[in-house]
Amino acid sequence: MMSLVWRDTKKNVEQIAQNAPCGYAIDYMPEGKFDTAYISTDKVNVDYEVKISGISKYEPADDLIFKRKTGLKAILKIDSIRKIDRVPISEFDMEKGFKELASFAMGEKFQVDYKEKEAFHLSTEATSIMEDAESRGYKIPVSIANKLVKYRKAFPDSKYEKLLERVDRELRKREIDPFEAVGIIAAQSIGEPGTQMTMRTFHFAGVVEMNVTLGLPRLIEIVDARRIPSTPSMTIYLTEKYRKDENKVRELIKNLENTTIIDVAEIVTDVGNMELTIRMDSNKSRDRLVSIGDILSALEKRKGIIFAQVDDSNISIKLQQESFKSLYQVQEQLKSTPIKGVNKISRAIARIDPKEDAWVIYTQGSNLREVLNIEGVDSNRTTTNDIIEIENVFGIEAARNAIYREAENTLSEQGLNVDKRHLMLVADMMTFSGAVRAVGRQGISGRKSSVLARAAFEITSKHLLKAGLLGEIDPLAGVAENIIVGQPITLGTGAIDLVYRGNKK
């Protein structure tokens, strides 16, 4: 069902909440019938749900609340308003993007049907394999049982028995004993091949500006949970309508790249006349699909300037308050004034992915939230190498998967084979608290409950002094603190207490 969606100030929302039910005068005449509306206060997310009982043409009245002072067209009869959990604008199906609209839009909220996942059913062949293996004394997991189906039919019984024996032997070799120090093993398994990694970057052929950090520096970035990666980048997959159409892909790239005035024009300063002139470069502006009107639209938002003269390729600007300092400041500000594109994405290129047999876009810079709202982008598969941004947009589970995927890709890219369970353990440790934490003194190691464990890692005297002042007690439950005090650690055989009971006389 269609709903009215609009941007508003927090002050107006508070007024509606205090006076509801009330009449709200707005500068827009909605079309169609609806009883629910949504208000956004930050242009990106919807914050409030409003129940509306009627709409009438605007006529002055004493008890109205006004959205603005002029241009009023309709009165909304608001019954109630309530704050809701933030809903992204992308969840509303609208003809135009929300940011392109002056203030109001009609949109239909996507309805998501949640269905209980069906119980997992084994095939009769896999069930038979597991029952047969159990009768022979072997315990086979479901994933392997499915793979053994074809061998059961192809092998004679003697050869099949040997296969089961080998599978069982390999499984037992990979089992972890109770109280095993899995953290030490994972650290060794990742750290040892990590010493063989090179410090290198990947360079996109033919594009000087685009590099992606790989190897040891990238692995350090991942485990340190850096807020901003050294080379943030995105891999943007496209929808069926766009992925095969080269012209649409090229147009999408131009709309993605953040274009500033200095990218398409030259700024000339005339100190004598206290004037700035923007001279468009025809080749650059044609390549970036920028017109003189786009530059004028960007400049209209700036305060303190006056358009002295405008023609097909030049814009002359004067200042309202003339001074040499202001002239220089405005010149520098104009250079970085954005004209079009997505903020933070400085470069974008497209490549044919052999696996997809379709166009895939790679960017320098990352802005996941805005890119997902662009038409033609496949929001289910588009990703970024910025783990913190994934956490902010998709949540902690997505961040956990991103840590694992990025670490695995970094290691496998250099031909280093590390068991995925070790990487999964690192990802779990970094995210189990509900936020992404580094594996250093600012994260996991620095927040251990044990005083001695924190002191053994870094800044020993600071931790011991603080613990003494606060009267902290160390339960000696971990590995490092038990080694420091010289007693057995609670792992492996050290986790077992032996009790001797003598014979009763």
Protein backbone atom coordinates (compact mmCIF):
# COMPACT_ATOMS: atom_id res chain seq x y z
CA MET A 1 0.00 0.00 0.00
CA MET A 2 1.29 3.47 -0.95
CA SER A 3 2.40 5.83 1.83
CA LEU A 4 3.49 9.45 2.05
CA VAL A 5 7.18 9.93 2.92
CA TRP A 6 8.73 13.29 3.70
CA ARG A 7 11.72 15.02 5.23
CA ASP A 8 11.18 17.21 8.26
CA THR A 9 12.96 18.88 11.16
CA LYS A 10 13.10 17.45 14.67
CA LYS A 11 11.46 20.66 15.94
CA ASN A 12 8.38 20.10 13.76
CA VAL A 13 8.21 16.43 14.75
CA GLU A 14 8.27 17.38 18.44
CA GLN A 15 5.43 19.86 17.85
CA ILE A 16 3.31 17.17 16.15
CA ALA A 17 4.00 14.71 18.99
CA GLN A 18 2.95 17.27 21.64
CA ASN A 19 -0.28 18.30 19.87
CA ALA A 20 -1.49 15.09 18.17
CA PRO A 21 -4.23 14.67 17.09
CA CYS A 22 -3.72 17.86 15.08
CA GLY A 23 -3.76 19.45 11.62
CA TYR A 24 -0.41 19.78 9.82
CA ALA A 25 -0.14 22.27 6.96
CA ILE A 26 2.30 21.14 4.23
CA ASP A 27 3.57 22.49 0.90
CA TYR A 28 2.55 19.39 -1.08
CA MET A 29 -0.76 17.90 -2.29
CA PRO A 30 -0.61 14.09 -2.01
CA GLU A 31 -2.32 11.98 -4.67
CA GLY A 32 -4.19 8.77 -3.94
CA LYS A 33 -5.48 7.26 -0.71
CA PHE A 34 -3.32 6.27 2.24
CA ASP A 35 -3.59 6.17 6.03
CA THR A 36 0.08 5.83 6.97
CA ALA A 37 2.97 8.23 6.43
CA TYR A 38 6.66 8.21 7.38
CA ILE A 39 9.01 11.04 8.39
CA SER A 40 12.78 11.17 7.91
CA THR A 41 14.98 13.62 9.80
CA ASP A 42 18.33 12.72 8.19
CA LYS A 43 17.42 12.13 4.49
CA VAL A 44 18.68 8.53 4.70
CA ASN A 45 16.47 6.71 7.21
CA VAL A 46 12.81 6.88 8.23
CA ASP A 47 12.44 7.60 11.97
CA TYR A 48 8.70 8.15 12.61
CA GLU A 49 5.41 6.54 11.59
CA VAL A 50 2.34 8.78 11.33
CA LYS A 51 -1.34 7.73 11.22
CA ILE A 52 -3.45 10.01 9.01
CA SER A 53 -7.26 10.13 9.03
CA GLY A 54 -7.78 12.60 6.20
CA ILE A 55 -6.37 15.20 3.78
CA SER A 56 -7.95 18.52 2.85
CA LYS A 57 -7.04 21.55 0.81
CA TYR A 58 -5.18 24.22 2.78
CA GLU A 59 -7.28 26.93 4.41
CA PRO A 60 -6.00 29.18 7.22
CA ALA A 61 -7.01 28.10 10.75
CA ASP A 62 -5.92 28.89 14.30
CA ASP A 63 -4.99 25.42 15.56
CA LEU A 64 -2.70 24.33 12.70
CA ILE A 65 0.97 23.35 12.87
CA PHE A 66 2.93 24.64 9.87
CA LYS A 67 5.73 22.79 8.10
CA ARG A 68 6.79 26.08 6.51
CA LYS A 69 5.42 29.61 6.22
CA THR A 70 4.78 29.88 2.47
CA GLY A 71 3.52 27.74 -0.41
CA LEU A 72 1.14 25.67 1.73
CA LYS A 73 -1.20 23.38 -0.27
CA ALA A 74 -2.74 20.73 1.99
CA ILE A 75 -3.63 19.89 5.58
CA LEU A 76 -2.89 16.43 6.97
CA LYS A 77 -5.19 15.32 9.80
CA ILE A 78 -2.67 13.49 11.99
CA ASP A 79 -4.14 11.10 14.57
CA SER A 80 -0.89 9.84 16.10
CA ILE A 81 2.87 9.74 15.66
CA ARG A 82 5.37 7.23 17.05
CA LYS A 83 9.12 6.72 16.85
CA ILE A 84 10.10 3.49 15.10
CA ASP A 85 13.32 1.56 14.56
CA ARG A 86 15.21 3.21 11.72
CA VAL A 87 14.17 1.98 8.27
CA PRO A 88 16.45 2.79 5.29
CA ILE A 89 14.88 4.83 2.48
CA SER A 90 15.92 2.03 0.12
CA GLU A 91 13.10 -0.08 1.58
CA PHE A 92 10.56 2.19 -0.13
CA ASP A 93 9.76 1.62 -3.80
CA MET A 94 9.80 5.11 -5.34
CA GLU A 95 10.23 6.27 -8.92
CA LYS A 96 13.00 8.70 -7.98
CA GLY A 97 15.70 8.42 -5.38
CA PHE A 98 14.73 10.14 -2.13
CA LYS A 99 17.55 12.67 -2.31
CA GLU A 100 16.39 13.91 -5.72
CA LEU A 101 13.04 15.05 -4.30
CA ALA A 102 12.52 18.50 -2.85
CA SER A 103 10.75 17.26 0.26
CA PHE A 104 7.90 14.77 -0.32
CA ALA A 105 7.43 11.45 -2.10
CA MET A 106 4.85 8.72 -2.50
CA GLY A 107 6.31 5.26 -2.00
CA GLU A 108 5.37 1.70 -1.16
CA LYS A 109 7.22 0.01 1.67
CA PHE A 110 8.64 -3.37 0.74
CA GLN A 111 6.96 -6.12 2.71
CA VAL A 112 9.22 -8.95 3.83
CA ASP A 113 7.65 -12.34 4.51
CA TYR A 114 9.50 -14.32 7.16
CA LYS A 115 9.08 -18.06 6.82
CA GLU A 116 10.39 -20.74 9.11
CA LYS A 117 13.19 -22.66 7.49
CA GLU A 118 12.15 -26.15 6.53
CA ALA A 119 13.74 -28.98 8.44
CA PHE A 120 16.80 -30.46 6.76
CA HIS A 121 15.98 -33.80 5.14
CA LEU A 122 18.64 -36.29 4.14
CA SER A 123 18.25 -38.18 0.92
CA THR A 124 17.44 -41.88 1.31
CA GLU A 125 20.83 -42.78 -0.22
CA ALA A 126 22.75 -40.59 2.29
CA THR A 127 20.71 -42.00 5.20
CA SER A 128 21.51 -45.51 4.01
CA ILE A 129 25.25 -44.63 3.81
CA MET A 130 25.27 -43.32 7.41
CA GLU A 131 23.37 -46.35 8.77
CA ASP A 132 25.65 -48.76 6.90
CA ALA A 133 28.80 -46.95 8.12
CA GLU A 134 27.52 -46.99 11.72
CA SER A 135 26.87 -50.75 11.51
CA ARG A 136 30.54 -51.16 10.44
CA GLY A 137 31.76 -49.02 13.37
CA TYR A 138 32.30 -45.71 11.55
CA LYS A 139 30.58 -42.40 12.34
CA ILE A 140 30.23 -40.39 9.12
CA PRO A 141 29.07 -36.70 9.04
CA VAL A 142 26.16 -35.65 6.82
CA SER A 143 28.34 -33.60 4.44
CA ILE A 144 30.59 -36.60 3.72
CA ALA A 145 27.68 -39.05 3.47
CA ASN A 146 26.30 -37.10 0.51
CA LYS A 147 29.68 -37.37 -1.26
CA LEU A 148 29.97 -41.11 -0.60
CA VAL A 149 26.72 -41.96 -2.44
CA LYS A 150 28.37 -42.23 -5.87
CA TYR A 151 31.27 -44.33 -4.52
CA ARG A 152 28.90 -46.81 -2.85
CA LYS A 153 27.43 -47.65 -6.26
CA ALA A 154 30.74 -47.69 -8.15
CA PHE A 155 33.06 -49.57 -5.72
CA PRO A 156 32.95 -53.26 -4.75
CA ASP A 157 32.31 -53.93 -1.07
CA SER A 158 35.98 -54.58 -0.16
CA LYS A 159 37.16 -51.34 -1.78
CA TYR A 160 34.26 -49.40 -0.26
CA GLU A 161 35.21 -50.74 3.21
CA LYS A 162 38.76 -49.41 2.72
CA LEU A 163 37.35 -46.03 1.66
CA LEU A 164 35.23 -45.83 4.83
CA GLU A 165 38.26 -46.77 6.92
CA ARG A 166 40.37 -44.05 5.33
CA VAL A 167 37.61 -41.43 5.75
CA ASP A 168 37.27 -42.36 9.42
CA ARG A 169 41.05 -42.17 9.90
CA GLU A 170 41.24 -38.72 8.29
CA LEU A 171 38.34 -37.47 10.42
CA ARG A 172 39.96 -38.69 13.63
CA LYS A 173 43.23 -36.95 12.71
CA ARG A 174 41.34 -33.65 12.46
CA GLU A 175 39.48 -33.94 15.76
CA ILE A 176 40.51 -31.64 18.61
CA ASP A 177 41.09 -33.21 22.02
CA PRO A 178 39.17 -31.85 25.02
CA PHE A 179 40.91 -28.83 26.62
CA GLU A 180 43.20 -28.43 23.60
CA ALA A 181 44.77 -24.94 23.23
CA VAL A 182 42.95 -24.09 20.00
CA GLY A 183 43.92 -20.40 20.21
CA ILE A 184 47.65 -21.22 20.24
CA ILE A 185 47.21 -23.61 17.29
CA ALA A 186 45.24 -21.03 15.30
CA ALA A 187 47.83 -18.32 16.03
CA GLN A 188 50.66 -20.63 14.93
CA SER A 189 48.78 -21.74 11.81
CA ILE A 190 48.15 -18.15 10.68
CA GLY A 191 51.39 -16.62 11.98
CA GLU A 192 53.83 -19.09 10.41
CA PRO A 193 52.65 -18.66 6.78
CA GLY A 194 52.18 -14.95 7.54
CA THR A 195 55.97 -14.60 7.83
CA GLN A 196 56.25 -15.74 4.20
CA MET A 197 53.85 -13.11 2.89
CA THR A 198 55.21 -10.29 0.78
CA MET A 199 54.37 -6.62 1.20
CA ARG A 200 52.70 -5.82 -2.08
CA THR A 201 49.74 -4.13 -3.73
CA PHE A 202 47.55 -5.14 -6.65
CA HIS A 203 47.49 -2.65 -9.50
CA PHE A 204 44.58 -2.47 -11.94
CA ALA A 205 46.12 -2.55 -15.43
CA GLY A 206 45.64 0.68 -17.36
CA VAL A 207 44.43 2.70 -14.35
CA VAL A 208 47.26 4.53 -12.58
CA GLU A 209 45.20 5.68 -9.59
CA MET A 210 43.80 2.29 -8.54
CA ASN A 211 45.76 0.05 -6.19
CA VAL A 212 44.55 -2.45 -3.60
CA THR A 213 46.69 -3.36 -0.57
CA LEU A 214 47.37 -7.10 -0.29
CA GLY A 215 49.74 -9.42 1.54
CA LEU A 216 51.06 -8.78 5.05
CA PRO A 217 49.91 -5.13 5.34
CA ARG A 218 46.35 -6.19 4.51
CA LEU A 219 46.40 -9.05 7.04
CA ILE A 220 47.62 -6.61 9.72
CA GLU A 221 44.78 -4.21 8.79
CA ILE A 222 42.22 -6.98 9.23
CA VAL A 223 43.34 -8.19 12.67
CA ASP A 224 43.90 -4.60 13.86
CA ALA A 225 40.29 -3.75 12.85
CA ARG A 226 41.41 -0.46 11.28
CA ARG A 227 38.59 2.09 11.11
CA ILE A 228 39.64 3.07 7.58
CA PRO A 229 41.65 0.67 5.33
CA SER A 230 44.67 2.09 3.53
CA THR A 231 43.03 1.43 0.14
CA PRO A 232 39.23 1.13 0.60
CA SER A 233 37.55 -0.41 -2.44
CA MET A 234 34.24 -1.93 -3.48
CA THR A 235 33.20 -4.76 -5.78
CA ILE A 236 29.84 -3.82 -7.26
CA TYR A 237 27.73 -6.50 -8.92
CA LEU A 238 24.89 -5.42 -11.19
CA THR A 239 21.30 -6.53 -11.71
CA GLU A 240 20.20 -8.59 -14.70
CA LYS A 241 19.08 -5.47 -16.59
CA TYR A 242 22.49 -3.78 -16.34
CA ARG A 243 25.15 -6.51 -16.16
CA LYS A 244 25.27 -7.23 -19.93
CA ASP A 245 24.66 -3.68 -21.22
CA GLU A 246 28.00 -1.89 -21.70
CA ASN A 247 26.42 1.55 -22.27
CA LYS A 248 24.43 1.35 -19.04
CA VAL A 249 27.54 0.22 -17.17
CA ARG A 250 29.53 3.20 -18.50
CA GLU A 251 26.76 5.59 -17.48
CA LEU A 252 26.59 4.00 -14.03
CA ILE A 253 30.36 4.45 -13.60
CA LYS A 254 30.08 8.17 -14.40
CA ASN A 255 27.32 8.50 -11.81
CA LEU A 256 29.41 6.63 -9.23
CA GLU A 257 32.64 8.62 -9.55
CA ASN A 258 32.74 11.62 -7.23
CA THR A 259 33.36 14.53 -9.64
CA THR A 260 34.53 17.92 -8.32
CA ILE A 261 34.92 21.21 -10.20
CA ILE A 262 38.71 20.84 -10.51
CA ASP A 263 38.19 17.47 -12.26
CA VAL A 264 36.41 19.08 -15.22
CA ALA A 265 37.42 22.75 -15.17
CA GLU A 266 40.21 25.24 -14.48
CA ILE A 267 39.77 28.00 -11.88
CA VAL A 268 41.42 31.33 -12.83
CA THR A 269 41.85 34.06 -10.20
CA ASP A 270 41.72 37.72 -11.29
CA VAL A 271 43.10 39.67 -8.32
CA GLY A 272 42.66 43.04 -10.06
CA ASN A 273 38.89 42.65 -10.51
CA MET A 274 38.51 40.44 -7.38
CA GLU A 275 36.93 37.79 -9.58
CA LEU A 276 37.10 34.01 -10.11
CA THR A 277 36.49 32.37 -13.47
CA ILE A 278 35.63 28.69 -13.93
CA ARG A 279 36.71 27.57 -17.42
CA MET A 280 35.31 24.17 -18.39
CA ASP A 281 37.53 21.64 -20.14
CA SER A 282 35.36 20.28 -22.97
CA ASN A 283 37.15 16.90 -23.14
CA LYS A 284 37.08 16.25 -19.38
CA SER A 285 33.48 17.40 -18.98
CA ARG A 286 32.36 15.23 -21.92
CA ASP A 287 34.18 12.22 -20.45
CA ARG A 288 32.55 12.75 -17.02
CA LEU A 289 29.10 13.63 -18.48
CA VAL A 290 29.10 17.06 -16.77
CA SER A 291 27.40 20.14 -18.22
CA ILE A 292 27.63 23.83 -17.28
CA GLY A 293 24.20 23.43 -15.65
CA ASP A 294 25.57 20.77 -13.26
CA ILE A 295 28.27 23.18 -12.08
CA LEU A 296 25.74 25.99 -11.63
CA SER A 297 23.50 23.68 -9.57
CA ALA A 298 26.47 22.82 -7.32
CA LEU A 299 27.43 26.50 -6.91
CA GLU A 300 23.89 27.62 -6.04
CA LYS A 301 24.26 25.90 -2.65
CA ARG A 302 27.31 28.03 -1.76
CA LYS A 303 26.82 31.26 0.17
CA GLY A 304 28.74 34.50 -0.24
CA ILE A 305 29.20 34.40 -4.04
CA ILE A 306 27.49 36.23 -6.93
CA PHE A 307 27.35 35.02 -10.56
CA ALA A 308 28.82 37.91 -12.57
CA GLN A 309 28.69 36.29 -16.01
CA VAL A 310 27.73 32.87 -17.39
CA ASP A 311 28.19 31.50 -20.93
CA ASP A 312 28.51 28.05 -22.52
CA SER A 313 31.92 27.22 -21.03
CA ASN A 314 32.78 29.94 -18.48
CA ILE A 315 31.34 31.09 -15.16
CA SER A 316 32.56 34.35 -13.60
CA ILE A 317 32.06 34.74 -9.85
CA LYS A 318 32.36 37.74 -7.55
CA LEU A 319 32.35 37.77 -3.76
CA GLN A 320 29.76 39.58 -1.64
CA GLN A 321 32.51 40.63 0.78
CA GLU A 322 35.66 41.31 -1.22
CA SER A 323 39.08 40.62 0.32
CA PHE A 324 42.25 38.87 -0.85
CA LYS A 325 41.95 36.28 1.93
CA SER A 326 38.32 35.48 1.05
CA LEU A 327 39.20 35.26 -2.66
CA TYR A 328 41.89 32.66 -1.94
CA GLN A 329 39.65 30.70 0.46
CA VAL A 330 36.75 30.56 -2.02
CA GLN A 331 39.13 29.45 -4.79
CA GLU A 332 40.31 26.50 -2.67
CA GLN A 333 36.75 25.63 -1.64
CA LEU A 334 35.55 25.66 -5.25
CA LYS A 335 38.22 23.13 -6.26
CA SER A 336 36.73 20.50 -3.95
CA THR A 337 33.07 21.37 -4.55
CA PRO A 338 31.27 18.13 -5.60
CA ILE A 339 29.20 18.24 -8.79
CA LYS A 340 27.91 14.68 -9.06
CA GLY A 341 28.67 11.12 -8.02
CA VAL A 342 28.92 9.26 -4.72
CA ASN A 343 30.92 10.78 -1.89
CA LYS A 344 34.28 9.04 -1.12
CA ILE A 345 34.38 7.12 -4.45
CA SER A 346 37.17 8.75 -6.45
CA ARG A 347 37.50 6.19 -9.26
CA ALA A 348 35.50 3.35 -10.79
CA ILE A 349 36.32 0.86 -13.54
CA ALA A 350 34.42 -2.05 -15.08
CA ARG A 351 35.76 -5.48 -16.01
CA ILE A 352 34.18 -8.57 -17.55
CA ASP A 353 34.23 -11.23 -14.84
CA PRO A 354 34.93 -14.63 -16.51
CA LYS A 355 32.94 -16.48 -13.83
CA GLU A 356 29.95 -14.17 -14.17
CA ASP A 357 30.33 -13.56 -17.93
CA ALA A 358 29.06 -10.08 -17.10
CA TRP A 359 30.31 -6.62 -16.14
CA VAL A 360 31.50 -6.05 -12.57
CA ILE A 361 32.49 -2.59 -11.30
CA TYR A 362 35.51 -2.03 -9.02
CA THR A 363 35.94 1.28 -7.17
CA GLN A 364 38.63 3.17 -5.33
CA GLY A 365 36.98 4.43 -2.18
CA SER A 366 33.98 2.97 -0.41
CA ASN A 367 30.48 4.21 0.45
CA LEU A 368 28.38 1.07 0.85
CA ARG A 369 25.19 2.70 2.16
CA GLU A 370 24.80 5.13 -0.76
CA VAL A 371 25.91 2.69 -3.47
CA LEU A 372 23.27 0.13 -2.41
CA ASN A 373 20.55 2.74 -3.07
CA ILE A 374 21.63 3.24 -6.71
CA GLU A 375 19.43 1.68 -9.39
CA GLY A 376 21.12 -1.21 -11.18
CA VAL A 377 23.30 -2.28 -8.21
CA ASP A 378 22.75 -5.83 -6.95
CA SER A 379 22.49 -5.18 -3.20
CA ASN A 380 22.66 -8.92 -2.36
CA ARG A 381 26.22 -9.40 -3.64
CA THR A 382 27.87 -5.95 -3.67
CA THR A 383 30.58 -5.75 -1.03
CA THR A 384 33.48 -3.66 0.28
CA ASN A 385 36.84 -4.41 1.90
CA ASP A 386 36.00 -1.98 4.74
CA ILE A 387 34.97 -4.32 7.57
CA ILE A 388 33.82 -1.54 9.93
CA GLU A 389 31.55 -0.12 7.21
CA ILE A 390 30.03 -3.59 6.69
CA GLU A 391 29.36 -3.75 10.45
CA ASN A 392 27.64 -0.33 10.39
CA VAL A 393 25.45 -1.14 7.36
CA PHE A 394 24.72 -4.89 7.67
CA GLY A 395 25.50 -5.75 11.30
CA ILE A 396 27.96 -7.81 13.30
CA GLU A 397 27.28 -11.20 11.64
CA ALA A 398 28.09 -9.71 8.23
CA ALA A 399 31.28 -8.19 9.71
CA ARG A 400 32.26 -11.62 11.08
CA ASN A 401 31.87 -13.17 7.63
CA ALA A 402 33.79 -10.27 6.08
CA ILE A 403 36.77 -10.79 8.45
CA TYR A 404 36.90 -14.48 7.52
CA ARG A 405 36.50 -13.82 3.77
CA GLU A 406 39.09 -11.01 3.64
CA ALA A 407 41.66 -13.02 5.64
CA GLU A 408 41.13 -16.13 3.51
CA ASN A 409 41.41 -14.14 0.24
CA THR A 410 44.58 -12.39 1.45
CA LEU A 411 46.29 -15.68 2.34
CA SER A 412 45.08 -17.72 -0.67
CA GLU A 413 46.07 -14.91 -3.08
CA GLN A 414 49.71 -15.69 -2.19
CA GLY A 415 49.23 -19.45 -2.34
CA LEU A 416 49.20 -19.98 1.45
CA ASN A 417 46.82 -22.69 2.61
CA VAL A 418 45.41 -22.14 6.11
CA ASP A 419 42.58 -24.26 7.53
CA LYS A 420 39.42 -22.17 7.44
CA ARG A 421 38.57 -23.14 11.04
CA HIS A 422 41.55 -21.16 12.34
CA LEU A 423 40.37 -18.06 10.47
CA MET A 424 36.81 -18.64 11.72
CA LEU A 425 38.13 -18.73 15.30
CA VAL A 426 39.85 -15.35 14.82
CA ALA A 427 36.68 -13.87 13.28
CA ASP A 428 34.59 -15.22 16.20
CA MET A 429 36.96 -13.77 18.81
CA MET A 430 36.94 -10.36 17.11
CA THR A 431 33.14 -10.14 16.96
CA PHE A 432 31.57 -12.23 19.76
CA SER A 433 31.09 -9.15 21.99
CA GLY A 434 28.73 -7.53 19.44
CA ALA A 435 31.29 -5.11 17.98
CA VAL A 436 34.43 -5.57 15.89
CA ARG A 437 37.47 -5.52 18.21
CA ALA A 438 41.16 -5.57 17.30
CA VAL A 439 43.48 -8.36 18.43
CA GLY A 440 45.72 -5.90 20.27
CA ARG A 441 45.96 -3.86 23.44
CA GLN A 442 43.07 -1.65 22.26
CA GLY A 443 40.87 -4.72 21.78
CA ILE A 444 40.90 -8.36 22.89
CA SER A 445 44.29 -8.48 24.68
CA GLY A 446 43.76 -5.13 26.43
CA ARG A 447 40.36 -6.10 27.81
CA LYS A 448 41.19 -9.45 29.40
CA SER A 449 39.91 -9.87 32.95
CA SER A 450 43.33 -11.09 34.14
CA VAL A 451 45.75 -8.39 35.33
CA LEU A 452 48.84 -10.51 34.65
CA ALA A 453 47.66 -11.43 31.13
CA ARG A 454 47.23 -7.72 30.27
CA ALA A 455 50.59 -6.89 31.81
CA ALA A 456 52.31 -9.70 29.87
CA PHE A 457 51.12 -8.26 26.57
CA GLU A 458 52.14 -4.58 26.67
CA ILE A 459 52.77 -1.66 29.06
CA THR A 460 53.49 -3.92 32.06
CA SER A 461 54.07 -1.26 34.75
CA LYS A 462 50.94 0.71 33.82
CA HIS A 463 48.66 -2.34 34.16
CA LEU A 464 50.24 -3.51 37.44
CA LEU A 465 50.12 -0.02 38.98
CA LYS A 466 46.48 0.50 38.00
CA ALA A 467 45.53 -2.97 39.34
CA GLY A 468 47.27 -2.19 42.64
CA LEU A 469 45.47 1.13 43.01
CA LEU A 470 42.08 -0.42 42.26
CA GLY A 471 42.69 -3.59 44.29
CA GLU A 472 42.03 -5.99 41.41
CA ILE A 473 42.18 -9.76 42.01
CA ASP A 474 43.53 -12.18 39.39
CA PRO A 475 41.69 -15.55 39.36
CA LEU A 476 44.60 -17.21 37.47
CA ALA A 477 42.23 -18.91 35.04
CA GLY A 478 44.12 -18.37 31.78
CA VAL A 479 47.38 -19.50 30.21
CA ALA A 480 49.73 -16.51 30.49
CA GLU A 481 49.03 -15.74 34.15
CA ASN A 482 49.61 -19.37 35.24
CA ILE A 483 52.94 -19.49 33.38
CA ILE A 484 54.00 -16.23 35.10
CA VAL A 485 53.32 -17.60 38.59
CA GLY A 486 54.86 -20.98 37.70
CA GLN A 487 51.95 -23.37 37.99
CA PRO A 488 50.35 -25.78 35.45
CA ILE A 489 48.04 -24.19 32.92
CA THR A 490 44.39 -25.28 32.71
CA LEU A 491 44.74 -26.84 29.27
CA GLY A 492 45.37 -30.38 28.09
CA THR A 493 46.45 -32.62 31.00
CA GLY A 494 46.61 -29.54 33.25
CA ALA A 495 42.82 -29.27 33.04
CA ILE A 496 42.37 -32.68 34.70
CA ASP A 497 42.36 -33.03 38.49
CA LEU A 498 43.45 -36.44 39.78
CA VAL A 499 41.83 -37.62 43.02
CA TYR A 500 43.19 -40.61 44.94
CA ARG A 501 40.90 -42.56 47.18
CA GLY A 502 42.54 -45.17 49.35
CA ASN A 503 41.12 -48.62 49.99
CA LYS A 504 38.65 -48.73 52.84
CA LYS A 505 39.73 -51.05 55.66
